[in-house]
């Protein structure tokens, strides 16, 4: 089963899936994920955005990424997917800096 489809099934089948959520697809070995955790991960829960879009992490492993050859969207970690009323409203693929991350978040939330 494709990773993205699998993730969707997990969350839609899970009754605790909030109407709004920021889903972070991450991996232990991902250097950019580790940098995000240090620069943003500690403060994100304290932001107003986190009140509207609580963060939930999904951990991928190298095996699942390597064996999902047709799904390019979830091969890059971190990937951040914003859900509003259980519908995807935006996605950030990768992480370069805190400034760029917050700019992309603002763009996603402003366009909704």
Foldseek 3Di string as FASTA:
>chain_A
DAPVVVVLCVQVVDPPNDQKAKEWEAEPPDPQVVVCCVAPVVCVCVDPVCVRHPYDYDYDDPVNLVPNVPDPQRNAPTKIFIGHRNHTQDIDGTDDDPVVVVVRVCVSVVVD
